[in-house]
PDB file of N, CA and C in Angstrom:
ATOM      1  N   MET A   1       8.774  -7.813  30.319  1.00  0.00           N
ATOM      2  CA  MET A   1       7.698  -8.942  29.986  1.00  0.00           C
ATOM      3  C   MET A   1       7.535  -9.114  28.845  1.00  0.00           C
ATOM      4  N   ASN A   2       6.932  -9.974  28.740  1.00  0.00           N
ATOM      5  CA  ASN A   2       6.521 -10.667  27.052  1.00  0.00           C
ATOM      6  C   ASN A   2       5.067 -10.607  26.782  1.00  0.00           C
ATOM      7  N   ILE A   3       4.692 -10.558  25.581  1.00  0.00           N
ATOM      8  CA  ILE A   3       3.491 -10.415  25.409  1.00  0.00           C
ATOM      9  C   ILE A   3       2.135 -12.020  25.932  1.00  0.00           C
ATOM     10  N   GLU A   4       3.303 -12.646  26.056  1.00  0.00           N
ATOM     11  CA  GLU A   4       2.699 -13.833  26.686  1.00  0.00           C
ATOM     12  C   GLU A   4       1.711 -13.321  28.132  1.00  0.00           C
ATOM     13  N   GLU A   5       2.237 -12.968  29.050  1.00  0.00           N
ATOM     14  CA  GLU A   5       2.581 -11.898  29.728  1.00  0.00           C
ATOM     15  C   GLU A   5       1.409 -11.240  29.592  1.00  0.00           C
ATOM     16  N   LEU A   6       1.541 -10.088  29.152  1.00  0.00           N
ATOM     17  CA  LEU A   6       0.692  -8.982  28.864  1.00  0.00           C
ATOM     18  C   LEU A   6      -1.137  -9.049  28.480  1.00  0.00           C
ATOM     19  N   MET A   7      -0.708 -10.418  27.386  1.00  0.00           N
ATOM     20  CA  MET A   7      -2.410 -10.764  27.533  1.00  0.00           C
ATOM     21  C   MET A   7      -2.791 -11.964  28.738  1.00  0.00           C
ATOM     22  N   ASN A   8      -2.373 -12.133  29.470  1.00  0.00           N
ATOM     23  CA  ASN A   8      -2.534 -13.146  30.768  1.00  0.00           C
ATOM     24  C   ASN A   8      -2.850 -11.992  31.696  1.00  0.00           C
ATOM     25  N   ASN A   9      -2.250 -10.677  31.226  1.00  0.00           N
ATOM     26  CA  ASN A   9      -2.404  -9.784  32.504  1.00  0.00           C
ATOM     27  C   ASN A   9      -4.102  -8.947  32.106  1.00  0.00           C
ATOM     28  N   PRO A  10      -4.716  -9.151  33.436  1.00  0.00           N
ATOM     29  CA  PRO A  10      -6.617  -8.710  33.715  1.00  0.00           C
ATOM     30  C   PRO A  10      -6.638  -6.774  33.186  1.00  0.00           C
ATOM     31  N   GLU A  11      -4.647  -6.515  33.713  1.00  0.00           N
ATOM     32  CA  GLU A  11      -5.018  -4.896  33.422  1.00  0.00           C
ATOM     33  C   GLU A  11      -4.479  -4.480  32.015  1.00  0.00           C
ATOM     34  N   PHE A  12      -3.782  -5.576  31.463  1.00  0.00           N
ATOM     35  CA  PHE A  12      -3.557  -5.045  30.611  1.00  0.00           C
ATOM     36  C   PHE A  12      -4.541  -4.638  29.499  1.00  0.00           C
ATOM     37  N   ARG A  13      -5.320  -3.654  28.500  1.00  0.00           N
ATOM     38  CA  ARG A  13      -6.147  -3.664  27.608  1.00  0.00           C
ATOM     39  C   ARG A  13      -6.145  -3.637  26.496  1.00  0.00           C
ATOM     40  N   ILE A  14      -6.430  -3.739  25.106  1.00  0.00           N
ATOM     41  CA  ILE A  14      -6.174  -3.023  24.336  1.00  0.00           C
ATOM     42  C   ILE A  14      -7.067  -2.972  23.164  1.00  0.00           C
ATOM     43  N   ASP A  15      -7.566  -1.925  22.503  1.00  0.00           N
ATOM     44  CA  ASP A  15      -8.998  -1.588  21.936  1.00  0.00           C
ATOM     45  C   ASP A  15      -8.197  -2.172  20.625  1.00  0.00           C
ATOM     46  N   ILE A  16      -8.702  -3.252  20.031  1.00  0.00           N
ATOM     47  CA  ILE A  16      -8.566  -3.741  18.388  1.00  0.00           C
ATOM     48  C   ILE A  16      -8.649  -2.960  17.634  1.00  0.00           C
ATOM     49  N   GLY A  17     -10.256  -2.549  17.633  1.00  0.00           N
ATOM     50  CA  GLY A  17     -10.778  -1.415  16.569  1.00  0.00           C
ATOM     51  C   GLY A  17     -10.147  -0.225  16.639  1.00  0.00           C
ATOM     52  N   SER A  18      -9.612   0.370  17.829  1.00  0.00           N
ATOM     53  CA  SER A  18      -8.714   1.847  17.366  1.00  0.00           C
ATOM     54  C   SER A  18      -7.312   1.238  16.295  1.00  0.00           C
ATOM     55  N   LEU A  19      -6.730   0.327  17.256  1.00  0.00           N
ATOM     56  CA  LEU A  19      -5.429  -0.391  16.679  1.00  0.00           C
ATOM     57  C   LEU A  19      -5.723  -0.425  15.234  1.00  0.00           C
ATOM     58  N   LEU A  20      -6.247  -1.569  14.850  1.00  0.00           N
ATOM     59  CA  LEU A  20      -6.590  -1.318  13.674  1.00  0.00           C
ATOM     60  C   LEU A  20      -6.595  -0.638  12.443  1.00  0.00           C
ATOM     61  N   MET A  21      -8.225   0.519  13.126  1.00  0.00           N
ATOM     62  CA  MET A  21      -7.817   1.999  12.553  1.00  0.00           C
ATOM     63  C   MET A  21      -7.082   2.775  12.578  1.00  0.00           C
ATOM     64  N   ARG A  22      -6.268   2.821  13.020  1.00  0.00           N
ATOM     65  CA  ARG A  22      -4.805   3.160  13.171  1.00  0.00           C
ATOM     66  C   ARG A  22      -3.916   2.663  12.194  1.00  0.00           C
ATOM     67  N   ILE A  23      -3.812   1.314  12.125  1.00  0.00           N
ATOM     68  CA  ILE A  23      -2.761   1.315  10.791  1.00  0.00           C
ATOM     69  C   ILE A  23      -3.219   1.293   9.074  1.00  0.00           C
ATOM     70  N   HIS A  24      -4.704   1.931   9.891  1.00  0.00           N
ATOM     71  CA  HIS A  24      -5.038   1.155   8.679  1.00  0.00           C
ATOM     72  C   HIS A  24      -4.761   2.746   7.940  1.00  0.00           C
ATOM     73  N   SER A  25      -4.796   3.688   8.878  1.00  0.00           N
ATOM     74  CA  SER A  25      -4.784   5.183   8.529  1.00  0.00           C
ATOM     75  C   SER A  25      -3.991   5.179   8.059  1.00  0.00           C
ATOM     76  N   GLU A  26      -2.384   4.675   8.841  1.00  0.00           N
ATOM     77  CA  GLU A  26      -1.191   5.350   8.587  1.00  0.00           C
ATOM     78  C   GLU A  26      -0.849   4.039   7.270  1.00  0.00           C
ATOM     79  N   ASN A  27      -0.969   3.341   6.677  1.00  0.00           N
ATOM     80  CA  ASN A  27      -1.284   2.442   5.772  1.00  0.00           C
ATOM     81  C   ASN A  27      -1.737   3.168   4.436  1.00  0.00           C
ATOM     82  N   LEU A  28      -3.088   4.190   5.050  1.00  0.00           N
ATOM     83  CA  LEU A  28      -3.537   4.828   3.546  1.00  0.00           C
ATOM     84  C   LEU A  28      -2.479   6.453   3.790  1.00  0.00           C
ATOM     85  N   MET A  29      -1.955   7.007   3.884  1.00  0.00           N
ATOM     86  CA  MET A  29      -1.283   8.048   4.284  1.00  0.00           C
ATOM     87  C   MET A  29       0.063   7.766   3.537  1.00  0.00           C
ATOM     88  N   ASN A  30       0.115   6.602   3.746  1.00  0.00           N
ATOM     89  CA  ASN A  30       2.081   6.069   3.184  1.00  0.00           C
ATOM     90  C   ASN A  30       1.588   6.088   1.877  1.00  0.00           C
ATOM     91  N   SER A  31       0.555   4.767   1.804  1.00  0.00           N
ATOM     92  CA  SER A  31       0.339   5.330   0.027  1.00  0.00           C
ATOM     93  C   SER A  31      -0.103   6.440  -0.244  1.00  0.00           C
ATOM     94  N   TYR A  32      -0.670   7.431  -0.634  1.00  0.00           N
ATOM     95  CA  TYR A  32      -0.758   8.715  -0.619  1.00  0.00           C
ATOM     96  C   TYR A  32       0.661   9.621  -0.837  1.00  0.00           C
ATOM     97  N   HIS A  33       1.482   9.138   0.154  1.00  0.00           N
ATOM     98  CA  HIS A  33       2.979   9.596  -0.243  1.00  0.00           C
ATOM     99  C   HIS A  33       3.330   8.927  -1.693  1.00  0.00           C
ATOM    100  N   LEU A  34       3.256   7.896  -1.918  1.00  0.00           N
ATOM    101  CA  LEU A  34       3.824   7.172  -2.677  1.00  0.00           C
ATOM    102  C   LEU A  34       3.195   7.153  -3.861  1.00  0.00           C
ATOM    103  N   LYS A  35       1.666   7.022  -3.706  1.00  0.00           N
ATOM    104  CA  LYS A  35       1.137   7.537  -4.916  1.00  0.00           C
ATOM    105  C   LYS A  35       1.804   9.002  -5.773  1.00  0.00           C
ATOM    106  N   ALA A  36       1.885   9.852  -4.967  1.00  0.00           N
ATOM    107  CA  ALA A  36       2.336  11.555  -4.954  1.00  0.00           C
ATOM    108  C   ALA A  36       3.819  11.346  -5.756  1.00  0.00           C
ATOM    109  N   ILE A  37       4.698  10.568  -5.090  1.00  0.00           N
ATOM    110  CA  ILE A  37       6.383  10.418  -5.689  1.00  0.00           C
ATOM    111  C   ILE A  37       6.669   9.954  -7.058  1.00  0.00           C
ATOM    112  N   LEU A  38       5.428   8.514  -6.507  1.00  0.00           N
ATOM    113  CA  LEU A  38       5.753   7.829  -7.738  1.00  0.00           C
ATOM    114  C   LEU A  38       4.815   8.841  -9.503  1.00  0.00           C
ATOM    115  N   LYS A  39       3.830   9.724  -9.000  1.00  0.00           N
ATOM    116  CA  LYS A  39       3.155  10.411 -10.100  1.00  0.00           C
ATOM    117  C   LYS A  39       4.828  11.420 -10.596  1.00  0.00           C
ATOM    118  N   ARG A  40       4.582  11.956  -9.946  1.00  0.00           N
ATOM    119  CA  ARG A  40       6.202  12.726  -9.806  1.00  0.00           C
ATOM    120  C   ARG A  40       7.323  12.289 -10.702  1.00  0.00           C
ATOM    121  N   GLN A  41       7.721  11.300 -10.531  1.00  0.00           N
ATOM    122  CA  GLN A  41       8.917  10.113 -10.843  1.00  0.00           C
ATOM    123  C   GLN A  41       8.480  10.502 -12.613  1.00  0.00           C
ATOM    124  N   ILE A  42       7.358   9.362 -12.896  1.00  0.00           N
ATOM    125  CA  ILE A  42       6.628   8.820 -13.639  1.00  0.00           C
ATOM    126  C   ILE A  42       6.636  10.749 -14.985  1.00  0.00           C
ATOM    127  N   LYS A  43       6.471  11.588 -14.166  1.00  0.00           N
ATOM    128  CA  LYS A  43       5.936  12.928 -15.129  1.00  0.00           C
ATOM    129  C   LYS A  43       7.280  13.510 -15.152  1.00  0.00           C
ATOM    130  N   ILE A  44       8.608  13.228 -14.742  1.00  0.00           N
ATOM    131  CA  ILE A  44       9.773  13.587 -15.045  1.00  0.00           C
ATOM    132  C   ILE A  44      10.388  13.047 -16.571  1.00  0.00           C
ATOM    133  N   LEU A  45       9.931  11.712 -15.925  1.00  0.00           N
ATOM    134  CA  LEU A  45      10.521  10.482 -17.145  1.00  0.00           C
ATOM    135  C   LEU A  45       9.618  10.714 -18.223  1.00  0.00           C
ATOM    136  N   GLU A  46       8.617  11.140 -18.137  1.00  0.00           N
ATOM    137  CA  GLU A  46       8.029  11.298 -19.685  1.00  0.00           C
ATOM    138  C   GLU A  46       8.706  13.096 -20.174  1.00  0.00           C
ATOM    139  N   ILE A  47       8.789  13.978 -19.546  1.00  0.00           N
ATOM    140  CA  ILE A  47       8.901  15.499 -19.721  1.00  0.00           C
ATOM    141  C   ILE A  47      10.283  15.180 -20.311  1.00  0.00           C
ATOM    142  N   GLN A  48      11.250  14.230 -19.939  1.00  0.00           N
ATOM    143  CA  GLN A  48      12.668  13.803 -20.662  1.00  0.00           C
ATOM    144  C   GLN A  48      12.097  13.249 -21.495  1.00  0.00           C
ATOM    145  N   LYS A  49      11.257  12.872 -22.127  1.00  0.00           N
ATOM    146  CA  LYS A  49      11.266  12.289 -23.182  1.00  0.00           C
ATOM    147  C   LYS A  49      10.352  13.218 -24.673  1.00  0.00           C
ATOM    148  N   GLY A  50      10.180  14.805 -24.019  1.00  0.00           N
ATOM    149  CA  GLY A  50       9.789  15.445 -25.057  1.00  0.00           C
ATOM    150  C   GLY A  50       8.369  15.434 -25.043  1.00  0.00           C
ATOM    151  N   LYS A  51       7.905  14.958 -23.938  1.00  0.00           N
ATOM    152  CA  LYS A  51       6.145  15.132 -24.162  1.00  0.00           C
ATOM    153  C   LYS A  51       5.545  16.645 -23.238  1.00  0.00           C
ATOM    154  N   THR A  52       4.838  16.954 -23.644  1.00  0.00           N
ATOM    155  CA  THR A  52       4.195  18.090 -23.034  1.00  0.00           C
ATOM    156  C   THR A  52       2.801  17.794 -22.597  1.00  0.00           C
ATOM    157  N   GLY A  53       2.147  18.836 -22.067  1.00  0.00           N
ATOM    158  CA  GLY A  53       0.303  19.232 -21.999  1.00  0.00           C
ATOM    159  C   GLY A  53      -0.393  17.825 -21.842  1.00  0.00           C
ATOM    160  N   GLN A  54      -1.281  17.568 -22.719  1.00  0.00           N
ATOM    161  CA  GLN A  54      -2.358  16.679 -23.156  1.00  0.00           C
ATOM    162  C   GLN A  54      -1.377  15.646 -23.027  1.00  0.00           C
ATOM    163  N   GLU A  55      -0.348  15.351 -23.978  1.00  0.00           N
ATOM    164  CA  GLU A  55       0.450  14.128 -24.240  1.00  0.00           C
ATOM    165  C   GLU A  55       0.883  13.183 -22.811  1.00  0.00           C
ATOM    166  N   LEU A  56       1.215  14.543 -22.165  1.00  0.00           N
ATOM    167  CA  LEU A  56       2.034  14.087 -21.184  1.00  0.00           C
ATOM    168  C   LEU A  56       0.864  13.552 -19.847  1.00  0.00           C
ATOM    169  N   ASP A  57       0.403  14.336 -19.656  1.00  0.00           N
ATOM    170  CA  ASP A  57      -1.109  14.002 -18.596  1.00  0.00           C
ATOM    171  C   ASP A  57      -1.589  12.775 -19.157  1.00  0.00           C
ATOM    172  N   ASP A  58      -1.788  12.029 -20.487  1.00  0.00           N
ATOM    173  CA  ASP A  58      -1.973  10.829 -20.923  1.00  0.00           C
ATOM    174  C   ASP A  58      -1.140   9.476 -20.575  1.00  0.00           C
ATOM    175  N   ALA A  59      -0.069  10.532 -20.906  1.00  0.00           N
ATOM    176  CA  ALA A  59       1.267   9.477 -20.822  1.00  0.00           C
ATOM    177  C   ALA A  59       1.447   8.643 -19.581  1.00  0.00           C
ATOM    178  N   ILE A  60       1.346  10.149 -18.304  1.00  0.00           N
ATOM    179  CA  ILE A  60       1.406   9.652 -17.024  1.00  0.00           C
ATOM    180  C   ILE A  60       0.333   8.252 -16.634  1.00  0.00           C
ATOM    181  N   GLU A  61      -1.538   9.016 -16.527  1.00  0.00           N
ATOM    182  CA  GLU A  61      -2.016   8.628 -16.372  1.00  0.00           C
ATOM    183  C   GLU A  61      -2.348   6.463 -17.110  1.00  0.00           C
ATOM    184  N   SER A  62      -1.517   6.510 -17.763  1.00  0.00           N
ATOM    185  CA  SER A  62      -1.710   5.221 -18.800  1.00  0.00           C
ATOM    186  C   SER A  62      -0.545   4.290 -18.068  1.00  0.00           C
ATOM    187  N   GLU A  63       0.986   5.079 -17.369  1.00  0.00           N
ATOM    188  CA  GLU A  63       1.509   4.191 -16.679  1.00  0.00           C
ATOM    189  C   GLU A  63       0.834   3.988 -15.565  1.00  0.00           C
ATOM    190  N   ILE A  64       0.556   5.240 -14.478  1.00  0.00           N
ATOM    191  CA  ILE A  64      -0.145   4.740 -13.782  1.00  0.00           C
ATOM    192  C   ILE A  64      -1.185   3.877 -13.443  1.00  0.00           C
ATOM    193  N   GLU A  65      -1.925   3.852 -14.667  1.00  0.00           N
ATOM    194  CA  GLU A  65      -2.920   2.580 -14.491  1.00  0.00           C
ATOM    195  C   GLU A  65      -2.163   1.141 -15.027  1.00  0.00           C
ATOM    196  N   SER A  66      -1.250   1.184 -15.821  1.00  0.00           N
ATOM    197  CA  SER A  66      -0.395  -0.129 -16.061  1.00  0.00           C
ATOM    198  C   SER A  66      -0.140  -0.355 -14.654  1.00  0.00           C
ATOM    199  N   LEU A  67       0.592   0.308 -13.891  1.00  0.00           N
ATOM    200  CA  LEU A  67       0.862   0.007 -12.692  1.00  0.00           C
ATOM    201  C   LEU A  67       0.314  -0.580 -11.251  1.00  0.00           C
ATOM    202  N   ASN A  68      -1.252   0.148 -11.488  1.00  0.00           N
ATOM    203  CA  ASN A  68      -1.882  -0.650 -10.587  1.00  0.00           C
ATOM    204  C   ASN A  68      -2.461  -1.793 -10.948  1.00  0.00           C
ATOM    205  N   ASP A  69      -2.858  -1.767 -12.122  1.00  0.00           N
ATOM    206  CA  ASP A  69      -2.868  -3.541 -12.455  1.00  0.00           C
ATOM    207  C   ASP A  69      -2.025  -3.911 -12.167  1.00  0.00           C
ATOM    208  N   LYS A  70      -0.250  -4.459 -12.458  1.00  0.00           N
ATOM    209  CA  LYS A  70       0.439  -4.880 -12.052  1.00  0.00           C
ATOM    210  C   LYS A  70       0.316  -5.376 -10.161  1.00  0.00           C
ATOM    211  N   PHE A  71       0.105  -3.978  -9.486  1.00  0.00           N
ATOM    212  CA  PHE A  71       0.194  -4.571  -8.481  1.00  0.00           C
ATOM    213  C   PHE A  71      -0.834  -5.169  -7.862  1.00  0.00           C
ATOM    214  N   SER A  72      -2.135  -4.932  -8.252  1.00  0.00           N
ATOM    215  CA  SER A  72      -3.268  -5.411  -8.063  1.00  0.00           C
ATOM    216  C   SER A  72      -3.378  -7.245  -8.027  1.00  0.00           C
ATOM    217  N   GLU A  73      -2.166  -7.401  -9.540  1.00  0.00           N
ATOM    218  CA  GLU A  73      -2.541  -8.349  -9.261  1.00  0.00           C
ATOM    219  C   GLU A  73      -1.072  -9.308  -8.339  1.00  0.00           C
ATOM    220  N   TRP A  74      -0.275  -8.635  -8.084  1.00  0.00           N
ATOM    221  CA  TRP A  74       1.129  -9.234  -7.605  1.00  0.00           C
ATOM    222  C   TRP A  74       0.174  -9.260  -5.963  1.00  0.00           C
ATOM    223  N   LEU A  75      -0.817  -8.414  -5.260  1.00  0.00           N
ATOM    224  CA  LEU A  75      -1.568  -8.283  -4.378  1.00  0.00           C
ATOM    225  C   LEU A  75      -2.714  -9.542  -3.734  1.00  0.00           C
ATOM    226  N   LYS A  76      -3.090  -9.554  -5.283  1.00  0.00           N
ATOM    227  CA  LYS A  76      -4.052 -10.870  -5.157  1.00  0.00           C
ATOM    228  C   LYS A  76      -2.529 -11.957  -5.111  1.00  0.00           C
ATOM    229  N   GLU A  77      -2.203 -12.257  -5.158  1.00  0.00           N
ATOM    230  CA  GLU A  77      -0.664 -13.479  -5.111  1.00  0.00           C
ATOM    231  C   GLU A  77      -0.548 -13.368  -3.952  1.00  0.00           C
ATOM    232  N   ASP A  78       0.226 -12.422  -2.940  1.00  0.00           N
ATOM    233  CA  ASP A  78       0.586 -12.505  -2.279  1.00  0.00           C
ATOM    234  C   ASP A  78      -1.157 -12.950  -1.068  1.00  0.00           C
ATOM    235  N   LEU A  79      -2.022 -12.217  -1.094  1.00  0.00           N
ATOM    236  CA  LEU A  79      -3.410 -12.731  -0.317  1.00  0.00           C
ATOM    237  C   LEU A  79      -3.596 -13.773  -0.250  1.00  0.00           C
ATOM    238  N   ILE A  80      -3.164 -14.274  -0.934  1.00  0.00           N
ATOM    239  CA  ILE A  80      -3.717 -16.247  -1.795  1.00  0.00           C
ATOM    240  C   ILE A  80      -2.239 -16.895  -0.934  1.00  0.00           C
ATOM    241  N   ASN A  81      -1.240 -16.243  -1.445  1.00  0.00           N
ATOM    242  CA  ASN A  81      -0.232 -17.433  -0.030  1.00  0.00           C
ATOM    243  C   ASN A  81      -0.602 -17.155   1.128  1.00  0.00           C
ATOM    244  N   ASP A  82      -0.168 -15.767   1.425  1.00  0.00           N
ATOM    245  CA  ASP A  82      -1.328 -15.424   2.769  1.00  0.00           C
ATOM    246  C   ASP A  82      -1.639 -16.651   3.521  1.00  0.00           C
ATOM    247  N   VAL A  83      -3.133 -16.456   3.073  1.00  0.00           N
ATOM    248  CA  VAL A  83      -3.987 -17.440   3.598  1.00  0.00           C
ATOM    249  C   VAL A  83      -3.752 -18.700   3.446  1.00  0.00           C
ATOM    250  N   ASN A  84      -2.712 -19.674   2.836  1.00  0.00           N
ATOM    251  CA  ASN A  84      -2.561 -21.049   2.177  1.00  0.00           C
ATOM    252  C   ASN A  84      -1.497 -20.614   3.372  1.00  0.00           C
ATOM    253  N   ASP A  85      -1.041 -19.906   3.604  1.00  0.00           N
ATOM    254  CA  ASP A  85       0.208 -20.066   4.701  1.00  0.00           C
ATOM    255  C   ASP A  85      -0.581 -20.343   6.420  1.00  0.00           C
ATOM    256  N   PHE A  86      -1.236 -19.628   6.454  1.00  0.00           N
ATOM    257  CA  PHE A  86      -2.093 -19.132   7.781  1.00  0.00           C
ATOM    258  C   PHE A  86      -3.183 -20.934   7.763  1.00  0.00           C
ATOM    259  N   SER A  87      -3.452 -20.872   7.043  1.00  0.00           N
ATOM    260  CA  SER A  87      -4.433 -21.910   6.943  1.00  0.00           C
ATOM    261  C   SER A  87      -3.755 -23.266   7.074  1.00  0.00           C
ATOM    262  N   LYS A  88      -2.424 -23.568   6.824  1.00  0.00           N
ATOM    263  CA  LYS A  88      -1.378 -24.375   7.637  1.00  0.00           C
ATOM    264  C   LYS A  88      -1.487 -24.923   8.424  1.00  0.00           C
ATOM    265  N   ASP A  89      -1.448 -23.608   9.595  1.00  0.00           N
ATOM    266  CA  ASP A  89      -1.222 -23.689  10.876  1.00  0.00           C
ATOM    267  C   ASP A  89      -2.256 -24.493  12.106  1.00  0.00           C
TER     268      ASP A  89
END
């Protein structure tokens, strides 16, 4: 059975709100895991450079802020491209 057949089947029901919340929750959990991994990797790199204590903490936070800025720009570009792609249909 394909998706079109399922959508036309009155017995087929899907709770869109629950589905969206589940997808959102999974995305958040993945994000938390990735942030923890990234922070650990940055810390290892900074320790290899000989940084310790507050200098280490500052370097980690600075690098994470820099990456967040970069990722935010990428997200904006991707969302704009997605909206443009969807509006062409």
